[in-house]
Amino acid sequence: MSDRQDAAFARGEIGVDGEAVEEARDLAEVERAKAREQFLEGKTWLGREFLTWLLWKSESAEPIIEYSGEAAHILFGGQFTLRGIAGDVMELKAKGAEAAYSRVIRFAMESGLLLHSAKLRLSLGEQKEFTFTLDAQMLDIRSAKLPELLTDDEDDRIQERIFLTERLGEVIQKIFTTFLEIRSSPAWRSKVLPEILEWLRR
């Protein structure tokens, strides 16, 4: 092997026969993935605003949205993370069933920290309850726990899990779309944002 091949072998890119271990990714696909990641990272502030709006809305007993005739309620619980772009405290992690609704957290948010990730509980209708973590940077759903399955047959259980996973994604998408409609409306600056700021100072 040449020095170049030796280096490629050491990196795990080729085998002892000099052939590529796996096919190289298409250059255009790599560039698209990079562009998407940069775009989403540039929109992190929007995800943080979304989580802040969601926390504010979740204090009310009213549903966040109606989905397929079922009321969707969101509650914050468990661990969540706040991050800032300046100041003495750049990141704050908190944990507890009611921690997200505490005066201390509202004070931290008023001081410039914004929600970056949170563990949420979504109740859909009377019987479906999902638990998951939502990340502001990529708006990823992680560590999702689905409602208890109703079927016993293994194939049916797989189909039910797929259905519930898709349902969770659809509900979060609708909630985010609802937020975007409010965020882009004149009511955001004239009504919603002042109410959120007042809630933080309360």
C-alpha atoms as a PDB file:
ATOM      1  CA  MET A   1       0.000   0.000   0.000  1.00  0.00           C
ATOM      2  CA  SER A   2       1.041   3.573  -0.629  1.00  0.00           C
ATOM      3  CA  ASP A   3       1.214   6.131   2.184  1.00  0.00           C
ATOM      4  CA  ARG A   4      -2.113   7.502   0.998  1.00  0.00           C
ATOM      5  CA  GLN A   5      -3.743   4.062   1.112  1.00  0.00           C
ATOM      6  CA  ASP A   6      -2.218   3.424   4.547  1.00  0.00           C
ATOM      7  CA  ALA A   7      -3.833   6.613   5.850  1.00  0.00           C
ATOM      8  CA  ALA A   8      -7.182   5.689   4.295  1.00  0.00           C
ATOM      9  CA  PHE A   9      -6.946   2.203   5.831  1.00  0.00           C
ATOM     10  CA  ALA A  10      -6.168   3.707   9.254  1.00  0.00           C
ATOM     11  CA  ARG A  11      -9.286   5.880   8.961  1.00  0.00           C
ATOM     12  CA  GLY A  12     -11.368   2.812   8.109  1.00  0.00           C
ATOM     13  CA  GLU A  13     -12.180   4.065   4.603  1.00  0.00           C
ATOM     14  CA  ILE A  14     -10.687   1.061   2.749  1.00  0.00           C
ATOM     15  CA  GLY A  15     -10.066  -2.585   3.586  1.00  0.00           C
ATOM     16  CA  VAL A  16      -6.868  -4.614   3.323  1.00  0.00           C
ATOM     17  CA  ASP A  17      -7.656  -5.230  -0.359  1.00  0.00           C
ATOM     18  CA  GLY A  18      -7.575  -1.499  -1.058  1.00  0.00           C
ATOM     19  CA  GLU A  19     -11.306  -1.385  -1.894  1.00  0.00           C
ATOM     20  CA  ALA A  20     -13.679   1.120  -0.310  1.00  0.00           C
ATOM     21  CA  VAL A  21     -15.360  -0.187   2.824  1.00  0.00           C
ATOM     22  CA  GLU A  22     -18.623   1.429   1.839  1.00  0.00           C
ATOM     23  CA  GLU A  23     -19.774   3.493  -1.077  1.00  0.00           C
ATOM     24  CA  ALA A  24     -18.950   7.178  -0.841  1.00  0.00           C
ATOM     25  CA  ARG A  25     -21.999   9.360  -0.363  1.00  0.00           C
ATOM     26  CA  ASP A  26     -23.104  11.353  -3.346  1.00  0.00           C
ATOM     27  CA  LEU A  27     -21.547  14.833  -3.137  1.00  0.00           C
ATOM     28  CA  ALA A  28     -24.870  16.557  -3.827  1.00  0.00           C
ATOM     29  CA  GLU A  29     -26.520  14.580  -1.008  1.00  0.00           C
ATOM     30  CA  VAL A  30     -23.765  15.624   1.401  1.00  0.00           C
ATOM     31  CA  GLU A  31     -24.158  19.272   0.421  1.00  0.00           C
ATOM     32  CA  ARG A  32     -27.947  19.105   0.833  1.00  0.00           C
ATOM     33  CA  ALA A  33     -27.567  17.600   4.305  1.00  0.00           C
ATOM     34  CA  LYS A  34     -25.100  20.338   5.300  1.00  0.00           C
ATOM     35  CA  ALA A  35     -27.367  23.072   3.951  1.00  0.00           C
ATOM     36  CA  ARG A  36     -30.373  21.658   5.821  1.00  0.00           C
ATOM     37  CA  GLU A  37     -28.431  21.440   9.075  1.00  0.00           C
ATOM     38  CA  GLN A  38     -27.154  25.004   8.745  1.00  0.00           C
ATOM     39  CA  PHE A  39     -30.658  26.244   7.960  1.00  0.00           C
ATOM     40  CA  LEU A  40     -32.151  24.504  10.980  1.00  0.00           C
ATOM     41  CA  GLU A  41     -29.371  25.687  13.279  1.00  0.00           C
ATOM     42  CA  GLY A  42     -29.994  29.230  12.056  1.00  0.00           C
ATOM     43  CA  LYS A  43     -33.629  28.866  13.094  1.00  0.00           C
ATOM     44  CA  THR A  44     -32.861  27.707  16.649  1.00  0.00           C
ATOM     45  CA  TRP A  45     -34.274  30.969  18.023  1.00  0.00           C
ATOM     46  CA  LEU A  46     -37.641  30.082  16.466  1.00  0.00           C
ATOM     47  CA  GLY A  47     -37.647  26.684  18.173  1.00  0.00           C
ATOM     48  CA  ARG A  48     -36.824  28.352  21.494  1.00  0.00           C
ATOM     49  CA  GLU A  49     -39.649  30.855  21.018  1.00  0.00           C
ATOM     50  CA  PHE A  50     -41.936  27.935  20.199  1.00  0.00           C
ATOM     51  CA  LEU A  51     -41.050  26.116  23.429  1.00  0.00           C
ATOM     52  CA  THR A  52     -41.491  29.335  25.439  1.00  0.00           C
ATOM     53  CA  TRP A  53     -44.910  29.950  23.856  1.00  0.00           C
ATOM     54  CA  LEU A  54     -45.814  26.304  24.516  1.00  0.00           C
ATOM     55  CA  LEU A  55     -44.852  26.612  28.197  1.00  0.00           C
ATOM     56  CA  TRP A  56     -46.937  29.768  28.519  1.00  0.00           C
ATOM     57  CA  LYS A  57     -49.923  28.145  26.798  1.00  0.00           C
ATOM     58  CA  SER A  58     -49.619  24.937  28.812  1.00  0.00           C
ATOM     59  CA  GLU A  59     -50.338  26.736  32.104  1.00  0.00           C
ATOM     60  CA  SER A  60     -53.917  27.156  30.926  1.00  0.00           C
ATOM     61  CA  ALA A  61     -56.411  24.339  31.353  1.00  0.00           C
ATOM     62  CA  GLU A  62     -57.529  24.849  27.757  1.00  0.00           C
ATOM     63  CA  PRO A  63     -56.281  22.545  24.996  1.00  0.00           C
ATOM     64  CA  ILE A  64     -53.380  23.727  22.823  1.00  0.00           C
ATOM     65  CA  ILE A  65     -55.199  22.534  19.678  1.00  0.00           C
ATOM     66  CA  GLU A  66     -57.992  20.238  18.567  1.00  0.00           C
ATOM     67  CA  TYR A  67     -56.820  17.308  16.437  1.00  0.00           C
ATOM     68  CA  SER A  68     -59.269  14.973  14.683  1.00  0.00           C
ATOM     69  CA  GLY A  69     -61.946  15.943  17.165  1.00  0.00           C
ATOM     70  CA  GLU A  70     -59.699  15.281  20.190  1.00  0.00           C
ATOM     71  CA  ALA A  71     -58.346  17.921  22.563  1.00  0.00           C
ATOM     72  CA  ALA A  72     -54.542  18.071  22.811  1.00  0.00           C
ATOM     73  CA  HIS A  73     -53.027  19.226  26.115  1.00  0.00           C
ATOM     74  CA  ILE A  74     -49.297  19.720  26.791  1.00  0.00           C
ATOM     75  CA  LEU A  75     -47.582  19.660  30.175  1.00  0.00           C
ATOM     76  CA  PHE A  76     -43.890  20.220  30.943  1.00  0.00           C
ATOM     77  CA  GLY A  77     -42.306  17.780  33.367  1.00  0.00           C
ATOM     78  CA  GLY A  78     -38.978  16.127  34.058  1.00  0.00           C
ATOM     79  CA  GLN A  79     -35.721  17.631  32.846  1.00  0.00           C
ATOM     80  CA  PHE A  80     -35.406  20.672  30.612  1.00  0.00           C
ATOM     81  CA  THR A  81     -32.602  22.966  29.488  1.00  0.00           C
ATOM     82  CA  LEU A  82     -32.401  26.743  29.110  1.00  0.00           C
ATOM     83  CA  ARG A  83     -29.652  28.459  27.132  1.00  0.00           C
ATOM     84  CA  GLY A  84     -28.574  32.036  26.535  1.00  0.00           C
ATOM     85  CA  ILE A  85     -26.275  33.809  24.111  1.00  0.00           C
ATOM     86  CA  ALA A  86     -24.694  36.213  26.621  1.00  0.00           C
ATOM     87  CA  GLY A  87     -24.370  36.821  30.343  1.00  0.00           C
ATOM     88  CA  ASP A  88     -22.899  35.052  33.347  1.00  0.00           C
ATOM     89  CA  VAL A  89     -25.054  31.933  32.968  1.00  0.00           C
ATOM     90  CA  MET A  90     -25.030  30.379  29.493  1.00  0.00           C
ATOM     91  CA  GLU A  91     -26.895  27.159  30.296  1.00  0.00           C
ATOM     92  CA  LEU A  92     -29.216  26.048  33.046  1.00  0.00           C
ATOM     93  CA  LYS A  93     -30.650  22.564  33.549  1.00  0.00           C
ATOM     94  CA  ALA A  94     -33.581  21.928  35.825  1.00  0.00           C
ATOM     95  CA  LYS A  95     -35.557  18.874  36.816  1.00  0.00           C
ATOM     96  CA  GLY A  96     -38.840  18.305  38.595  1.00  0.00           C
ATOM     97  CA  ALA A  97     -42.510  17.733  37.898  1.00  0.00           C
ATOM     98  CA  GLU A  98     -43.437  21.406  38.412  1.00  0.00           C
ATOM     99  CA  ALA A  99     -40.001  23.014  37.908  1.00  0.00           C
ATOM    100  CA  ALA A 100     -40.841  24.502  34.514  1.00  0.00           C
ATOM    101  CA  TYR A 101     -43.691  26.497  36.076  1.00  0.00           C
ATOM    102  CA  SER A 102     -41.672  27.837  38.999  1.00  0.00           C
ATOM    103  CA  ARG A 103     -40.955  31.512  39.650  1.00  0.00           C
ATOM    104  CA  VAL A 104     -37.207  30.818  39.499  1.00  0.00           C
ATOM    105  CA  ILE A 105     -37.439  29.537  35.927  1.00  0.00           C
ATOM    106  CA  ARG A 106     -39.606  32.445  34.807  1.00  0.00           C
ATOM    107  CA  PHE A 107     -37.020  34.806  36.311  1.00  0.00           C
ATOM    108  CA  ALA A 108     -34.223  33.017  34.432  1.00  0.00           C
ATOM    109  CA  MET A 109     -36.188  33.304  31.190  1.00  0.00           C
ATOM    110  CA  GLU A 110     -36.902  36.986  31.762  1.00  0.00           C
ATOM    111  CA  SER A 111     -33.150  37.449  32.323  1.00  0.00           C
ATOM    112  CA  GLY A 112     -32.383  36.147  28.820  1.00  0.00           C
ATOM    113  CA  LEU A 113     -32.288  32.349  28.988  1.00  0.00           C
ATOM    114  CA  LEU A 114     -34.599  30.554  26.565  1.00  0.00           C
ATOM    115  CA  LEU A 115     -35.886  27.005  26.553  1.00  0.00           C
ATOM    116  CA  HIS A 116     -33.640  24.765  24.474  1.00  0.00           C
ATOM    117  CA  SER A 117     -35.079  21.319  25.185  1.00  0.00           C
ATOM    118  CA  ALA A 118     -37.838  19.986  27.374  1.00  0.00           C
ATOM    119  CA  LYS A 119     -39.532  16.769  28.379  1.00  0.00           C
ATOM    120  CA  LEU A 120     -43.212  17.053  27.511  1.00  0.00           C
ATOM    121  CA  ARG A 121     -46.361  15.085  28.160  1.00  0.00           C
ATOM    122  CA  LEU A 122     -49.007  15.230  25.445  1.00  0.00           C
ATOM    123  CA  SER A 123     -52.539  14.114  26.274  1.00  0.00           C
ATOM    124  CA  LEU A 124     -54.712  13.490  23.231  1.00  0.00           C
ATOM    125  CA  GLY A 125     -58.327  12.800  24.010  1.00  0.00           C
ATOM    126  CA  GLU A 126     -59.142  10.855  27.156  1.00  0.00           C
ATOM    127  CA  GLN A 127     -56.904   7.799  26.799  1.00  0.00           C
ATOM    128  CA  LYS A 128     -53.816   8.618  24.711  1.00  0.00           C
ATOM    129  CA  GLU A 129     -50.771   9.987  26.539  1.00  0.00           C
ATOM    130  CA  PHE A 130     -47.350  10.480  24.945  1.00  0.00           C
ATOM    131  CA  THR A 131     -44.138  11.424  26.749  1.00  0.00           C
ATOM    132  CA  PHE A 132     -41.181  12.750  24.749  1.00  0.00           C
ATOM    133  CA  THR A 133     -38.337  15.263  24.654  1.00  0.00           C
ATOM    134  CA  LEU A 134     -38.487  18.124  22.155  1.00  0.00           C
ATOM    135  CA  ASP A 135     -35.309  19.876  21.043  1.00  0.00           C
ATOM    136  CA  ALA A 136     -35.433  23.512  19.877  1.00  0.00           C
ATOM    137  CA  GLN A 137     -32.426  23.359  17.577  1.00  0.00           C
ATOM    138  CA  MET A 138     -33.723  20.741  15.143  1.00  0.00           C
ATOM    139  CA  LEU A 139     -37.284  20.397  16.501  1.00  0.00           C
ATOM    140  CA  ASP A 140     -36.507  16.713  16.970  1.00  0.00           C
ATOM    141  CA  ILE A 141     -38.733  14.395  18.978  1.00  0.00           C
ATOM    142  CA  ARG A 142     -36.562  12.137  21.135  1.00  0.00           C
ATOM    143  CA  SER A 143     -37.123   9.401  23.730  1.00  0.00           C
ATOM    144  CA  ALA A 144     -40.805   9.094  22.905  1.00  0.00           C
ATOM    145  CA  LYS A 145     -42.950   6.865  25.084  1.00  0.00           C
ATOM    146  CA  LEU A 146     -46.180   5.848  23.356  1.00  0.00           C
ATOM    147  CA  PRO A 147     -49.570   5.133  24.958  1.00  0.00           C
ATOM    148  CA  GLU A 148     -50.255   1.578  26.065  1.00  0.00           C
ATOM    149  CA  LEU A 149     -50.974  -0.642  23.080  1.00  0.00           C
ATOM    150  CA  LEU A 150     -54.459  -2.108  22.805  1.00  0.00           C
ATOM    151  CA  THR A 151     -53.781  -5.137  20.579  1.00  0.00           C
ATOM    152  CA  ASP A 152     -52.150  -8.451  21.506  1.00  0.00           C
ATOM    153  CA  ASP A 153     -51.141  -9.778  18.078  1.00  0.00           C
ATOM    154  CA  GLU A 154     -47.473  -8.972  17.330  1.00  0.00           C
ATOM    155  CA  ASP A 155     -48.108  -7.764  13.767  1.00  0.00           C
ATOM    156  CA  ASP A 156     -51.015  -5.621  14.935  1.00  0.00           C
ATOM    157  CA  ARG A 157     -48.859  -4.167  17.723  1.00  0.00           C
ATOM    158  CA  ILE A 158     -46.219  -3.110  15.188  1.00  0.00           C
ATOM    159  CA  GLN A 159     -48.877  -1.423  13.072  1.00  0.00           C
ATOM    160  CA  GLU A 160     -50.332   0.269  16.146  1.00  0.00           C
ATOM    161  CA  ARG A 161     -46.910   1.584  17.172  1.00  0.00           C
ATOM    162  CA  ILE A 162     -46.363   2.981  13.672  1.00  0.00           C
ATOM    163  CA  PHE A 163     -49.804   4.613  13.776  1.00  0.00           C
ATOM    164  CA  LEU A 164     -49.183   6.186  17.193  1.00  0.00           C
ATOM    165  CA  THR A 165     -45.697   7.394  16.195  1.00  0.00           C
ATOM    166  CA  GLU A 166     -47.131   9.059  13.093  1.00  0.00           C
ATOM    167  CA  ARG A 167     -49.971  10.536  15.144  1.00  0.00           C
ATOM    168  CA  LEU A 168     -47.492  12.087  17.593  1.00  0.00           C
ATOM    169  CA  GLY A 169     -45.528  13.663  14.735  1.00  0.00           C
ATOM    170  CA  GLU A 170     -48.713  14.998  13.120  1.00  0.00           C
ATOM    171  CA  VAL A 171     -49.968  16.571  16.354  1.00  0.00           C
ATOM    172  CA  ILE A 172     -46.613  18.287  17.058  1.00  0.00           C
ATOM    173  CA  GLN A 173     -46.537  19.502  13.456  1.00  0.00           C
ATOM    174  CA  LYS A 174     -50.017  20.992  13.825  1.00  0.00           C
ATOM    175  CA  ILE A 175     -49.107  22.666  17.121  1.00  0.00           C
ATOM    176  CA  PHE A 176     -45.984  24.166  15.512  1.00  0.00           C
ATOM    177  CA  THR A 177     -48.008  25.330  12.484  1.00  0.00           C
ATOM    178  CA  THR A 178     -50.481  26.986  14.850  1.00  0.00           C
ATOM    179  CA  PHE A 179     -47.577  28.754  16.576  1.00  0.00           C
ATOM    180  CA  LEU A 180     -46.147  29.932  13.234  1.00  0.00           C
ATOM    181  CA  GLU A 181     -49.515  31.400  12.233  1.00  0.00           C
ATOM    182  CA  ILE A 182     -49.670  33.331  15.502  1.00  0.00           C
ATOM    183  CA  ARG A 183     -45.968  34.291  15.338  1.00  0.00           C
ATOM    184  CA  SER A 184     -46.367  35.794  11.856  1.00  0.00           C
ATOM    185  CA  SER A 185     -49.594  37.667  12.648  1.00  0.00           C
ATOM    186  CA  PRO A 186     -49.871  41.305  13.878  1.00  0.00           C
ATOM    187  CA  ALA A 187     -51.357  39.927  17.112  1.00  0.00           C
ATOM    188  CA  TRP A 188     -47.933  38.508  18.095  1.00  0.00           C
ATOM    189  CA  ARG A 189     -46.424  41.934  18.851  1.00  0.00           C
ATOM    190  CA  SER A 190     -49.598  43.703  19.887  1.00  0.00           C
ATOM    191  CA  LYS A 191     -51.097  41.042  22.176  1.00  0.00           C
ATOM    192  CA  VAL A 192     -49.317  37.688  22.565  1.00  0.00           C
ATOM    193  CA  LEU A 193     -45.752  38.862  23.225  1.00  0.00           C
ATOM    194  CA  PRO A 194     -46.810  41.469  25.854  1.00  0.00           C
ATOM    195  CA  GLU A 195     -48.860  38.760  27.618  1.00  0.00           C
ATOM    196  CA  ILE A 196     -45.884  36.371  27.644  1.00  0.00           C
ATOM    197  CA  LEU A 197     -43.577  39.096  29.001  1.00  0.00           C
ATOM    198  CA  GLU A 198     -46.122  39.961  31.684  1.00  0.00           C
ATOM    199  CA  TRP A 199     -46.384  36.257  32.582  1.00  0.00           C
ATOM    200  CA  LEU A 200     -42.574  36.066  32.934  1.00  0.00           C
ATOM    201  CA  ARG A 201     -42.535  39.069  35.289  1.00  0.00           C
ATOM    202  CA  ARG A 202     -45.476  37.844  37.342  1.00  0.00           C
END
